[in-house]
Protein backbone atom coordinates (compact mmCIF):
# COMPACT_ATOMS: atom_id res chain seq x y z
CA MET A 1 76.13 103.60 70.81
CA GLY A 2 77.60 106.81 72.13
CA GLY A 3 80.63 107.37 74.35
CA LEU A 4 80.67 107.58 78.11
CA SER A 5 78.59 110.22 79.78
CA ALA A 6 80.33 113.37 80.97
CA ASP A 7 79.67 112.42 84.59
CA LYS A 8 81.22 108.97 84.12
CA ARG A 9 84.27 110.43 82.37
CA GLU A 10 84.86 112.90 85.19
CA ARG A 11 84.42 110.18 87.81
CA LEU A 12 87.02 107.95 86.11
CA LYS A 13 89.47 110.84 85.84
CA ALA A 14 89.06 111.58 89.54
CA LEU A 15 89.62 107.91 90.43
CA ALA A 16 92.80 107.79 88.33
CA LYS A 17 94.49 110.61 90.22
CA GLY A 18 97.12 109.80 92.82
CA ASP A 19 100.63 108.42 93.22
CA PHE A 20 101.85 104.94 92.33
CA LEU A 21 102.66 104.08 95.97
CA GLN A 22 99.18 104.92 97.17
CA SER A 23 96.68 102.39 98.50
CA SER A 24 93.10 102.63 99.64
CA ASP A 25 94.21 100.83 102.82
CA PRO A 26 95.89 103.31 105.19
CA ALA A 27 98.07 100.60 106.78
CA ILE A 28 99.37 99.45 103.40
CA ASP A 29 99.88 103.05 102.28
CA ALA A 30 101.88 103.86 105.41
CA PHE A 31 104.00 100.71 105.08
CA LEU A 32 104.92 101.30 101.44
CA LYS A 33 105.85 104.90 102.18
CA ARG A 34 107.98 103.71 105.11
CA MET A 35 109.78 101.21 102.88
CA GLU A 36 110.48 103.94 100.37
CA SER A 37 111.71 106.38 103.02
CA GLU A 38 114.10 103.75 104.42
CA GLY A 39 115.60 103.05 101.02
CA ALA A 40 114.11 99.59 100.59
CA PRO A 41 113.25 98.46 97.06
CA VAL A 42 109.48 98.64 96.79
CA PHE A 43 108.51 98.52 93.13
CA SER A 44 111.72 99.96 91.75
CA ASP A 45 114.32 97.91 89.89
CA VAL A 46 114.38 95.02 92.34
CA TYR A 47 117.25 93.35 90.50
CA SER A 48 119.69 96.15 91.23
CA GLY A 49 121.57 96.39 94.49
CA GLU A 50 121.87 93.64 97.06
CA MET A 51 119.92 90.42 96.50
CA SER A 52 118.06 89.39 99.66
CA PHE A 53 115.14 87.16 100.55
CA TYR A 54 111.91 89.13 99.99
CA ASN A 55 113.95 92.39 99.98
CA ALA A 56 114.45 91.97 103.73
CA PRO A 57 117.47 93.71 105.28
CA ARG A 58 120.60 91.59 105.69
CA LYS A 59 121.41 91.08 109.37
CA SER A 60 123.50 88.71 111.42
CA GLU A 61 122.80 89.88 114.97
CA LEU A 62 120.00 87.68 116.34
CA ALA A 63 118.98 90.20 118.98
CA ASP A 64 117.71 92.40 116.16
CA MET A 65 115.33 89.92 114.58
CA ASP A 66 112.17 87.91 115.18
CA VAL A 67 112.03 85.93 111.92
CA ALA A 68 115.16 84.89 110.02
CA VAL A 69 115.08 83.77 106.40
CA VAL A 70 118.07 81.48 105.92
CA GLY A 71 119.69 79.72 102.99
CA VAL A 72 120.99 76.19 103.53
CA PRO A 73 123.09 75.32 100.43
CA PHE A 74 123.60 71.70 101.45
CA GLU A 75 123.43 68.72 99.09
CA ALA A 76 126.12 66.30 100.25
CA SER A 77 123.51 63.56 100.83
CA ALA A 78 121.41 64.14 97.69
CA PRO A 79 120.65 60.66 96.29
CA VAL A 80 119.62 61.61 92.74
CA ARG A 81 120.03 65.04 91.11
CA ALA A 82 122.82 67.45 91.96
CA GLY A 83 122.18 71.17 92.24
CA THR A 84 120.11 71.71 95.39
CA ARG A 85 122.99 73.72 96.85
CA LEU A 86 121.97 76.39 94.32
CA GLY A 87 118.39 76.48 95.61
CA PRO A 88 118.81 79.43 98.01
CA ARG A 89 120.38 81.59 95.31
CA SER A 90 117.57 81.00 92.81
CA PHE A 91 114.92 81.39 95.52
CA ARG A 92 116.41 84.73 96.57
CA GLU A 93 116.19 86.03 93.03
CA TRP A 94 112.51 85.17 92.59
CA SER A 95 111.56 86.22 96.12
CA LYS A 96 112.47 89.79 95.14
CA VAL A 97 109.17 90.00 93.26
CA ARG A 98 107.03 88.23 95.87
CA GLY A 99 105.25 90.16 98.62
CA PRO A 100 105.56 92.37 100.61
CA ILE A 101 101.80 92.28 101.30
CA HIS A 102 99.63 89.17 101.39
CA ASP A 103 97.12 89.40 98.56
CA ALA A 104 94.22 87.77 100.46
CA TRP A 105 94.83 88.75 104.09
CA ASN A 106 96.66 92.10 103.69
CA THR A 107 99.16 90.72 106.20
CA ILE A 108 102.42 92.68 106.16
CA PRO A 109 105.04 90.48 107.87
CA PHE A 110 107.50 93.40 107.93
CA ASP A 111 105.05 95.44 110.01
CA LEU A 112 104.46 92.56 112.44
CA CYS A 113 108.04 91.41 113.08
CA SER A 114 111.65 92.29 112.55
CA VAL A 115 112.37 90.10 109.53
CA ALA A 116 115.91 89.63 108.21
CA ASP A 117 117.83 87.75 105.58
CA HIS A 118 120.33 85.99 107.82
CA GLY A 119 122.45 84.86 104.88
CA ASP A 120 123.44 81.28 104.14
CA VAL A 121 124.74 78.64 106.52
CA VAL A 122 128.47 78.36 105.78
CA PHE A 123 130.04 74.91 105.67
CA ASP A 124 133.76 74.42 106.25
CA SER A 125 133.53 70.90 104.80
CA PRO A 126 130.57 70.98 102.37
CA HIS A 127 131.00 67.33 101.29
CA ASP A 128 131.18 65.94 104.83
CA VAL A 129 127.61 64.98 105.72
CA ASP A 130 128.16 64.63 109.48
CA ALA A 131 130.06 67.92 109.70
CA CYS A 132 127.35 69.77 107.76
CA ILE A 133 124.61 68.32 109.95
CA ALA A 134 126.46 69.36 113.11
CA ARG A 135 126.93 72.86 111.72
CA ILE A 136 123.24 73.25 110.87
CA ALA A 137 122.15 72.04 114.31
CA ASP A 138 124.48 74.54 115.96
CA VAL A 139 123.14 77.48 113.90
CA TYR A 140 119.52 76.63 114.67
CA ALA A 141 120.20 76.10 118.37
CA GLY A 142 121.27 79.74 118.27
CA PHE A 143 117.91 80.71 116.75
CA ARG A 144 116.12 78.81 119.49
CA GLY A 145 118.14 80.53 122.20
CA ALA A 146 117.35 83.96 120.75
CA GLY A 147 113.65 83.23 120.21
CA VAL A 148 113.99 83.63 116.44
CA ALA A 149 111.61 81.76 114.12
CA PRO A 150 113.45 80.55 110.99
CA LEU A 151 112.20 80.18 107.44
CA SER A 152 114.81 78.04 105.68
CA VAL A 153 115.48 77.45 102.00
CA GLY A 154 117.53 74.52 100.73
CA GLY A 155 119.14 72.32 100.02
CA VAL A 156 118.61 68.57 100.32
CA HIS A 157 115.91 67.43 102.79
CA THR A 158 118.51 65.95 105.13
CA MET A 159 118.92 69.52 106.41
CA THR A 160 115.55 69.44 108.18
CA HIS A 161 116.74 66.86 110.72
CA PRO A 162 119.46 69.09 112.27
CA ILE A 163 117.19 72.14 111.96
CA LEU A 164 114.59 70.37 114.08
CA LYS A 165 117.26 69.08 116.46
CA GLY A 166 118.59 72.59 116.99
CA LEU A 167 115.15 74.15 117.44
CA ALA A 168 113.66 71.47 119.69
CA ALA A 169 116.58 70.84 122.07
CA GLY A 170 114.87 67.82 123.62
CA GLU A 171 111.38 69.37 123.60
CA PRO A 172 109.78 67.69 120.59
CA VAL A 173 107.46 69.69 118.36
CA GLY A 174 104.73 68.60 115.97
CA LEU A 175 105.48 68.27 112.27
CA VAL A 176 103.45 69.01 109.16
CA GLN A 177 105.31 67.47 106.21
CA ILE A 178 104.24 67.92 102.58
CA ASP A 179 106.30 65.48 100.56
CA ALA A 180 106.29 62.62 98.08
CA HIS A 181 108.47 60.55 100.43
CA ALA A 182 108.07 59.99 104.16
CA ASP A 183 111.87 59.86 104.66
CA THR A 184 111.73 57.39 107.55
CA ALA A 185 113.76 54.49 106.13
CA ARG A 186 115.73 52.35 108.57
CA GLY A 187 119.49 51.82 108.39
CA SER A 188 122.21 53.61 106.47
CA PHE A 189 122.04 54.95 102.92
CA GLN A 190 125.11 55.68 100.80
CA GLY A 191 127.22 54.95 103.87
CA ASN A 192 125.47 57.39 106.23
CA LEU A 193 122.94 56.79 108.99
CA LEU A 194 122.07 60.50 108.73
CA ASN A 195 120.73 60.68 105.18
CA ASP A 196 118.01 61.96 102.88
CA CYS A 197 115.92 58.78 103.27
CA SER A 198 115.90 58.80 107.09
CA VAL A 199 115.34 62.46 107.91
CA PHE A 200 112.33 62.07 110.18
CA LEU A 201 113.29 58.74 111.66
CA ASN A 202 116.41 60.48 112.97
CA ALA A 203 114.43 63.53 114.05
CA ALA A 204 112.15 61.25 116.09
CA LEU A 205 115.09 59.38 117.64
CA ASP A 206 116.65 62.72 118.63
CA GLU A 207 113.35 63.76 120.27
CA ALA A 208 113.10 66.71 117.92
CA ILE A 209 109.61 65.73 116.74
CA ASP A 210 106.77 63.86 118.41
CA PRO A 211 105.77 61.04 116.03
CA GLU A 212 102.21 61.12 117.35
CA ARG A 213 101.99 64.83 116.43
CA THR A 214 103.43 64.29 112.94
CA ILE A 215 101.44 64.21 109.70
CA GLN A 216 102.99 63.34 106.33
CA ILE A 217 100.92 64.49 103.34
CA GLY A 218 101.12 63.47 99.69
CA ILE A 219 103.24 60.34 100.07
CA ARG A 220 103.48 58.29 96.88
CA GLY A 221 105.83 56.57 94.45
CA SER A 222 107.91 53.42 94.30
CA LEU A 223 109.61 54.02 97.66
CA SER A 224 106.34 53.81 99.60
CA ALA A 225 107.13 50.33 100.94
CA TYR A 226 110.04 51.75 102.96
CA TRP A 227 108.04 53.93 105.35
CA ASP A 228 106.90 51.35 107.93
CA PHE A 229 108.60 53.31 110.72
CA SER A 230 106.19 56.19 110.11
CA ARG A 231 103.09 54.12 110.76
CA GLU A 232 104.58 51.98 113.51
CA SER A 233 105.81 55.02 115.47
CA GLY A 234 102.42 56.73 115.34
CA MET A 235 102.91 59.21 112.51
CA ARG A 236 99.80 59.99 110.48
CA VAL A 237 100.60 59.15 106.86
CA MET A 238 98.22 60.54 104.21
CA PRO A 239 99.22 58.92 100.92
CA MET A 240 98.35 60.83 97.79
CA ALA A 241 95.57 58.34 97.04
CA GLU A 242 93.89 59.36 100.30
CA VAL A 243 94.48 63.05 99.61
CA TYR A 244 92.62 62.66 96.29
CA GLU A 245 89.57 61.46 98.21
CA ALA A 246 89.79 63.79 101.22
CA GLY A 247 90.49 67.00 99.33
CA VAL A 248 92.03 70.09 100.92
CA SER A 249 89.35 70.39 103.61
CA GLY A 250 89.89 66.78 104.68
CA VAL A 251 93.65 67.29 104.82
CA LEU A 252 93.23 70.37 106.99
CA ASP A 253 90.87 68.52 109.33
CA GLU A 254 93.53 65.84 109.82
CA ILE A 255 96.31 68.40 110.34
CA ARG A 256 94.37 70.10 113.11
CA ARG A 257 93.41 66.79 114.70
CA VAL A 258 97.01 65.53 114.75
CA ILE A 259 98.80 68.78 115.62
CA GLY A 260 96.28 70.28 118.04
CA ASP A 261 97.13 73.60 119.66
CA GLY A 262 100.80 72.91 120.34
CA PRO A 263 103.89 74.19 118.51
CA PHE A 264 104.76 72.62 115.18
CA TYR A 265 107.22 72.88 112.32
CA LEU A 266 106.26 72.93 108.64
CA THR A 267 108.44 71.32 105.98
CA LEU A 268 107.63 71.43 102.28
CA ASP A 269 109.65 69.21 100.00
CA THR A 270 109.25 70.52 96.46
CA ASP A 271 108.73 66.96 95.22
CA GLY A 272 105.46 66.91 97.16
CA ILE A 273 104.15 69.06 94.31
CA ASP A 274 103.41 67.33 91.03
CA ALA A 275 106.40 67.56 88.70
CA THR A 276 104.14 69.11 86.04
CA TYR A 277 103.94 72.24 88.18
CA LEU A 278 107.39 72.13 89.78
CA PRO A 279 109.98 70.28 87.67
CA GLY A 280 113.06 71.79 89.34
CA THR A 281 113.26 69.39 92.26
CA GLN A 282 115.83 66.81 93.35
CA LEU A 283 113.62 63.72 92.90
CA PRO A 284 110.50 64.57 90.84
CA GLU A 285 107.43 62.41 91.39
CA PRO A 286 104.31 62.48 89.20
CA PHE A 287 100.70 62.46 90.46
CA GLY A 288 101.29 64.86 93.34
CA LEU A 289 99.64 67.94 94.77
CA THR A 290 98.89 70.93 92.58
CA THR A 291 100.31 74.31 93.51
CA ARG A 292 96.78 75.51 94.21
CA GLU A 293 96.19 72.66 96.68
CA VAL A 294 99.45 73.40 98.50
CA LEU A 295 98.56 77.08 98.67
CA LEU A 296 95.18 76.29 100.22
CA ILE A 297 96.73 73.88 102.71
CA LEU A 298 99.23 76.53 103.80
CA ARG A 299 96.50 79.14 104.16
CA GLY A 300 94.52 76.66 106.23
CA LEU A 301 97.31 76.65 108.82
CA ARG A 302 96.61 80.26 109.75
CA GLY A 303 96.15 80.71 113.49
CA MET A 304 98.22 77.66 114.43
CA ASP A 305 101.43 77.81 116.48
CA MET A 306 104.10 77.50 113.79
CA VAL A 307 107.65 77.80 115.17
CA GLY A 308 109.60 77.36 111.94
CA ALA A 309 109.28 76.28 108.33
CA ASP A 310 111.33 75.28 105.33
CA ILE A 311 111.21 74.64 101.59
CA VAL A 312 113.72 72.05 100.42
CA GLU A 313 115.03 70.17 97.37
CA LEU A 314 114.76 73.12 94.95
CA CYS A 315 117.10 72.14 92.12
CA PRO A 316 117.74 75.07 89.72
CA PRO A 317 119.68 73.14 87.01
CA TYR A 318 116.39 71.36 86.22
CA ASP A 319 114.17 74.44 86.52
CA PRO A 320 113.19 75.80 83.08
CA ASN A 321 112.68 79.56 83.08
CA GLY A 322 112.67 79.71 86.89
CA ILE A 323 109.17 78.17 87.12
CA SER A 324 109.98 76.16 90.24
CA ALA A 325 111.91 78.89 92.05
CA ASN A 326 109.13 81.40 91.35
CA THR A 327 106.48 79.05 92.73
CA SER A 328 108.65 78.15 95.73
CA ALA A 329 109.23 81.81 96.54
CA ALA A 330 105.50 82.53 96.34
CA LEU A 331 104.74 79.64 98.72
CA GLY A 332 107.59 80.81 100.93
CA PHE A 333 105.93 84.20 101.30
CA GLU A 334 102.82 82.42 102.57
CA MET A 335 105.03 80.74 105.18
CA LEU A 336 106.65 84.05 106.09
CA CYS A 337 103.23 85.57 106.79
CA LEU A 338 102.20 82.55 108.88
CA LEU A 339 105.44 82.67 110.89
CA ALA A 340 105.12 86.41 111.52
CA GLU A 341 101.53 86.10 112.71
CA ALA A 342 102.38 83.09 114.89
CA HIS A 343 105.37 84.91 116.40
CA VAL A 344 103.18 87.86 117.37
CA GLY A 345 100.57 85.47 118.78
CA ARG A 346 103.23 83.72 120.86
CA HIS A 347 104.96 86.86 122.18
CA GLY A 348 102.09 89.34 122.16
CA GLU A 349 103.98 92.24 120.63
CA ASN A 350 104.93 93.73 117.28
CA ARG A 351 108.39 94.86 116.21
CA LYS A 352 108.65 96.40 112.77
CA THR A 353 111.35 95.59 110.24
CA HIS A 354 113.66 98.53 109.49
CA TRP A 355 115.97 98.86 106.51
CA THR A 356 117.95 101.77 108.01
């Protein structure tokens, strides 16, 4: 066999010409050039300089943002493994190499909305559960007042209760929960009524979520007998055994049936994912969702009215080689794209992110 023809060689040489930051999509090309011109790390050494979620600019002024990515280093109520307070730090590191353009949709959240790393929630008394919960609720009430959609990274799952309380302010939203545990146990745990086992019971009592517009996906494990409140209050529980049978398409059908067209919040507990794929979680459970299934579920939420989202229970001390943080950051970018698109759909206007 001979080599390539002269015509083919010349064609390949012509195709290979161009700059590194050059795309066949004019919108992507313009965005990457804008990032570069504003001094944002595009594909340079992303580990030098300031560490921020998805290389977003650090901002504190809410008037300047549409979507805030927030760290919640809270673990005072963690019942098993310690270390979830370190979740936001590890997530930040891996998020530096995720995005900025969605690989399937070409969505550029930074061209749709003003996205910012809002920093971490600061706790004056980090071991005082009630004080931490009050602090979180106050921060997220501020987001609600400013019309900012938050993407939160934690942190023990207890944090989602005050997040919802702050965002809802008596106007309950729907809830899509991917988790191994329904977190609706009655009574106190480890001396606290506000705890990691009663997150969504308390959110329902505070009228932060509507139980009848709540779906809990992937529930399994030895604690399953404790979630009677979920079923009795009208929450749709999809145990993992049912998910096996329904598949991703069946799960998405149920999500849309339960949530409808109204606003909803998405919470992803890392233990909802099988521990084979994501070992760095606070309470690992076998026989869960694969990362591919979670990805497809998230992508199936496109077009719905998402008002906020979180990823919780990331536990870096148990995360070999950053596997779990890397996966979490990749799933978080999916959430960021969904939030940006939903924000534009809700407000009907774009506001670009600027680094300078």
